[in-house]
Protein backbone atom coordinates (compact mmCIF):
# COMPACT_ATOMS: atom_id res chain seq x y z
CA MET A 1 -43.86 89.85 24.86
CA SER A 2 -41.54 88.68 27.61
CA GLU A 3 -38.04 90.00 28.13
CA TYR A 4 -35.50 88.62 25.71
CA PRO A 5 -33.14 85.98 27.06
CA THR A 6 -29.38 86.41 27.05
CA ILE A 7 -27.76 84.51 24.18
CA ILE A 8 -24.60 82.62 25.14
CA TYR A 9 -21.88 80.87 23.15
CA CYS A 10 -18.92 78.79 24.27
CA ALA A 11 -15.75 78.61 22.15
CA THR A 12 -12.35 77.20 23.10
CA ARG A 13 -10.71 76.90 19.67
CA GLU A 14 -10.07 79.41 16.88
CA SER A 15 -12.47 77.56 14.57
CA ASP A 16 -15.19 77.71 17.25
CA ILE A 17 -14.64 81.45 17.62
CA ARG A 18 -15.06 82.06 13.88
CA GLU A 19 -18.32 80.11 13.87
CA ALA A 20 -19.63 81.92 16.95
CA GLU A 21 -18.84 85.29 15.36
CA LEU A 22 -20.92 84.47 12.30
CA SER A 23 -23.78 83.08 14.37
CA ALA A 24 -23.79 86.12 16.68
CA SER A 25 -23.82 88.39 13.63
CA SER A 26 -26.93 86.61 12.35
CA VAL A 27 -28.60 87.17 15.73
CA ARG A 28 -27.70 90.87 15.62
CA THR A 29 -29.36 91.15 12.21
CA HIS A 30 -32.74 90.36 13.81
CA TYR A 31 -32.16 91.49 17.41
CA GLY A 32 -29.84 94.45 17.39
CA ASN A 33 -29.91 95.14 21.11
CA ILE A 34 -30.17 91.64 22.55
CA GLU A 35 -27.55 90.67 25.12
CA ILE A 36 -24.94 88.20 23.80
CA PHE A 37 -22.19 86.64 25.92
CA LEU A 38 -19.21 84.57 24.79
CA PHE A 39 -17.42 82.15 27.10
CA THR A 40 -13.88 81.53 25.86
CA ASN A 41 -10.37 80.68 27.02
CA LEU A 42 -8.73 82.86 24.36
CA PRO A 43 -7.04 85.79 26.14
CA ASP A 44 -7.62 89.40 25.08
CA TYR A 45 -10.25 88.43 22.52
CA GLN A 46 -12.69 91.18 21.55
CA ASN A 47 -15.61 91.38 19.13
CA GLU A 48 -18.32 94.01 18.91
CA ASN A 49 -21.12 91.44 18.58
CA PHE A 50 -20.54 90.23 22.14
CA ASN A 51 -21.68 92.37 25.05
CA ARG A 52 -19.51 90.42 27.45
CA ILE A 53 -16.60 88.05 26.95
CA ILE A 54 -16.15 85.75 29.94
CA GLN A 55 -12.89 83.94 30.47
CA ILE A 56 -12.98 80.16 30.92
CA HIS A 57 -10.23 79.24 33.34
CA ASN A 58 -8.74 75.74 33.02
CA PRO A 59 -11.04 74.65 30.18
CA ARG A 60 -11.45 70.96 29.51
CA VAL A 61 -11.95 71.70 25.78
CA ASP A 62 -14.86 69.29 25.61
CA TYR A 63 -18.63 69.59 25.95
CA SER A 64 -18.44 70.15 29.69
CA ASP A 65 -17.22 73.71 29.00
CA LYS A 66 -20.58 74.68 27.54
CA ILE A 67 -22.43 73.06 30.45
CA GLN A 68 -20.26 75.07 32.83
CA ALA A 69 -21.11 78.22 30.86
CA LEU A 70 -24.82 77.51 31.40
CA ILE A 71 -24.18 76.95 35.09
CA GLN A 72 -22.03 80.06 35.44
CA VAL A 73 -23.98 82.64 33.44
CA ASP A 74 -25.60 85.14 35.79
CA ARG A 75 -28.88 85.54 33.94
CA ARG A 76 -32.30 83.95 34.58
CA ARG A 77 -33.40 83.51 30.96
CA VAL A 78 -30.78 82.10 28.63
CA LEU A 79 -30.59 80.75 25.08
CA PHE A 80 -27.47 78.68 24.44
CA LEU A 81 -26.45 78.38 20.79
CA ASP A 82 -23.74 76.26 19.24
CA GLY A 83 -21.42 78.26 17.01
CA ASP A 84 -22.64 76.46 13.89
CA THR A 85 -26.11 78.01 14.11
CA PHE A 86 -27.54 80.76 11.97
CA LEU A 87 -30.68 82.76 12.73
CA ILE A 88 -32.76 83.58 9.64
CA SER A 89 -35.86 85.09 11.29
CA LYS A 90 -37.12 86.57 14.52
CA ILE A 91 -38.05 83.95 17.14
CA ASP A 92 -40.13 85.90 19.67
CA GLU A 93 -42.57 83.01 19.98
CA LEU A 94 -39.71 80.74 21.02
CA PHE A 95 -38.78 83.10 23.84
CA GLU A 96 -42.40 83.09 25.03
CA LEU A 97 -42.03 79.43 26.00
CA LEU A 98 -40.10 80.55 29.08
CA ASN A 99 -43.39 81.87 30.48
CA GLN A 100 -44.60 78.26 30.74
CA PHE A 101 -41.55 76.00 30.73
CA ASP A 102 -38.12 75.69 32.34
CA ILE A 103 -36.32 74.24 29.32
CA ALA A 104 -37.02 74.05 25.58
CA ILE A 105 -34.98 71.77 23.31
CA ALA A 106 -35.44 69.86 20.04
CA HIS A 107 -35.25 66.13 19.45
CA ALA A 108 -31.93 64.87 18.11
CA PRO A 109 -32.18 63.36 14.60
CA ASN A 110 -31.10 60.02 16.12
CA ARG A 111 -33.80 59.13 18.63
CA TRP A 112 -31.16 57.69 20.93
CA THR A 113 -27.62 56.44 20.38
CA HIS A 114 -26.99 54.49 23.57
CA GLN A 115 -29.46 52.40 25.55
CA LEU A 116 -29.89 53.54 29.14
CA ALA A 117 -31.90 52.28 32.09
CA ILE A 118 -34.76 54.57 31.09
CA SER A 119 -37.64 54.23 28.64
CA ASP A 120 -36.57 53.86 25.01
CA ALA A 121 -39.60 56.00 24.18
CA PHE A 122 -37.86 58.99 25.77
CA PRO A 123 -35.54 60.35 23.06
CA GLU A 124 -32.25 62.17 23.01
CA PHE A 125 -32.35 65.93 22.60
CA ASN A 126 -29.94 68.04 20.61
CA THR A 127 -27.92 70.24 22.96
CA GLY A 128 -26.85 72.79 20.34
CA VAL A 129 -29.93 74.93 20.99
CA ILE A 130 -31.09 75.11 24.62
CA LEU A 131 -33.54 77.66 26.01
CA ILE A 132 -33.62 77.73 29.82
CA ASN A 133 -35.15 79.40 32.84
CA LYS A 134 -32.55 79.05 35.59
CA THR A 135 -34.88 77.90 38.33
CA TRP A 136 -33.46 75.90 41.22
CA ARG A 137 -34.58 72.69 39.50
CA VAL A 138 -32.75 73.68 36.33
CA ARG A 139 -29.62 74.58 38.26
CA ARG A 140 -29.68 71.16 39.91
CA PHE A 141 -30.28 69.51 36.53
CA LEU A 142 -27.32 71.34 34.95
CA SER A 143 -25.03 70.29 37.79
CA GLU A 144 -26.13 66.64 37.48
CA TRP A 145 -25.72 66.72 33.69
CA LYS A 146 -22.16 68.02 34.01
CA ARG A 147 -21.26 65.63 36.84
CA SER A 148 -22.42 62.54 34.97
CA TYR A 149 -20.87 63.64 31.65
CA VAL A 150 -17.49 64.44 33.22
CA ASN A 151 -17.59 61.12 35.07
CA ASP A 152 -17.89 59.37 31.69
CA LEU A 153 -14.84 61.25 30.43
CA ILE A 154 -12.83 60.34 33.53
CA GLN A 155 -13.68 56.68 32.88
CA ASP A 156 -12.69 57.05 29.20
CA ILE A 157 -16.25 56.45 28.02
CA ASP A 158 -16.92 58.20 24.70
CA PHE A 159 -20.54 57.98 23.58
CA PRO A 160 -21.50 58.74 19.95
CA SER A 161 -23.67 61.67 20.97
CA LYS A 162 -21.21 62.95 23.57
CA ASP A 163 -22.99 65.09 26.21
CA GLN A 164 -26.47 64.32 24.85
CA ILE A 165 -26.52 60.86 26.44
CA ARG A 166 -26.33 62.27 29.96
CA PHE A 167 -28.57 65.20 29.10
CA ARG A 168 -31.26 62.68 28.18
CA GLU A 169 -30.75 60.66 31.35
CA SER A 170 -30.60 63.70 33.65
CA LEU A 171 -33.70 65.26 32.09
CA TYR A 172 -35.64 62.00 32.38
CA GLN A 173 -34.82 61.76 36.08
CA SER A 174 -35.61 65.42 36.79
CA LYS A 175 -38.92 67.08 37.61
CA ILE A 176 -38.31 69.84 35.06
CA ARG A 177 -41.17 71.08 32.91
CA PHE A 178 -39.78 71.11 29.38
CA ALA A 179 -41.03 71.91 25.88
CA THR A 180 -39.96 70.04 22.75
CA LEU A 181 -38.99 72.31 19.88
CA THR A 182 -39.83 71.50 16.30
CA PRO A 183 -37.08 71.34 13.63
CA GLU A 184 -38.00 74.85 12.47
CA TYR A 185 -36.17 76.12 15.58
CA ASN A 186 -33.20 73.78 15.31
CA CYS A 187 -32.98 72.70 11.68
CA ARG A 188 -30.25 70.07 11.31
CA PHE A 189 -30.16 70.67 7.58
CA THR A 190 -26.99 68.67 6.87
CA MET A 191 -28.67 65.52 8.22
CA GLY A 192 -32.04 66.22 6.61
CA CYS A 193 -35.34 66.82 8.38
CA MET A 194 -39.06 67.28 7.84
CA VAL A 195 -40.43 70.77 8.40
CA SER A 196 -43.93 72.18 7.88
CA HIS A 197 -43.57 75.89 8.66
CA LYS A 198 -40.93 78.57 8.18
CA VAL A 199 -37.49 77.42 9.25
CA LYS A 200 -36.08 80.10 11.54
CA LEU A 201 -32.88 78.69 13.04
CA LEU A 202 -30.37 76.69 11.03
CA HIS A 203 -27.95 74.31 12.76
CA GLY A 204 -25.08 72.83 10.81
CA ARG A 205 -21.98 73.85 8.91
CA SER A 206 -22.21 75.62 5.56
CA LYS A 207 -20.09 77.90 3.41
CA ASP A 208 -23.21 79.83 2.39
CA PHE A 209 -25.88 80.18 5.08
CA ASN A 210 -27.46 83.06 3.17
CA LYS A 211 -28.16 80.83 0.15
CA ILE A 212 -29.86 78.25 2.38
CA ALA A 213 -31.84 80.99 4.14
CA LYS A 214 -33.15 82.25 0.78
CA GLU A 215 -34.17 78.82 -0.47
CA ILE A 216 -35.33 76.79 2.52
CA ASN A 217 -38.75 78.42 2.90
CA LEU A 218 -39.64 78.72 -0.77
CA GLY A 219 -42.55 76.86 -2.31
CA PRO A 220 -46.33 76.48 -1.89
CA VAL A 221 -48.02 77.53 1.33
CA ASN A 222 -50.95 76.07 3.23
CA SER A 223 -54.14 78.11 2.94
CA TRP A 224 -54.97 77.54 6.61
CA SER A 225 -51.61 78.65 8.01
CA LYS A 226 -50.06 80.83 5.29
CA GLU A 227 -46.90 78.89 6.11
CA PRO A 228 -44.84 76.68 3.76
CA ILE A 229 -46.13 73.15 3.24
CA VAL A 230 -44.64 69.99 4.70
CA ARG A 231 -41.29 69.34 3.04
CA TRP A 232 -38.00 67.47 3.39
CA VAL A 233 -34.96 69.77 3.59
CA LYS A 234 -31.35 68.75 3.25
CA TYR A 235 -28.29 70.76 2.22
């Protein structure tokens, strides 16, 4: 097993902080000693689930803050999580992808939301769960992603999928070796998705993540995999 990555969150509003606290607590349930950082602009904030709280100076309070957190974090292996995520199982096999790939991300439920001058067959990716190896190519990619996204904001361009539009474009134009995650590792349960194994990482807002965690993997299993059968999940 490879070394665990550092988990990072970015929160610039009180509601974001509350979500990140719950998500970090779910991570601690399965990985008690893993390193978790929080990037925030809230002064004097403390919480025992975060090993380090890093101040964001002059935050934009938009998606560029999380890109900057990925650029700034001083760790090689990193897993960025949106605050509205909830870990329901260990994910060691996810971390192993960093032995082969520079980035691992899941498809967005909408294949793309704005046509670009790239192949329509290359989809958008959801940027709420991003596993990265900070190689020089990845560092260059992150800088280009932020530059192009901020340029849209300066020009008052507001795409439906926000930062994901430029993530898609920047990734397409890069030479990065990336892996595509299945919905089991980024389950957008409020939008509905097809899964065929144990869901391990929920992504969406809920008043009762524990109820979803208890129910989502119930049912018949495949004899060949001992994993739950193909099923549609939506909460």
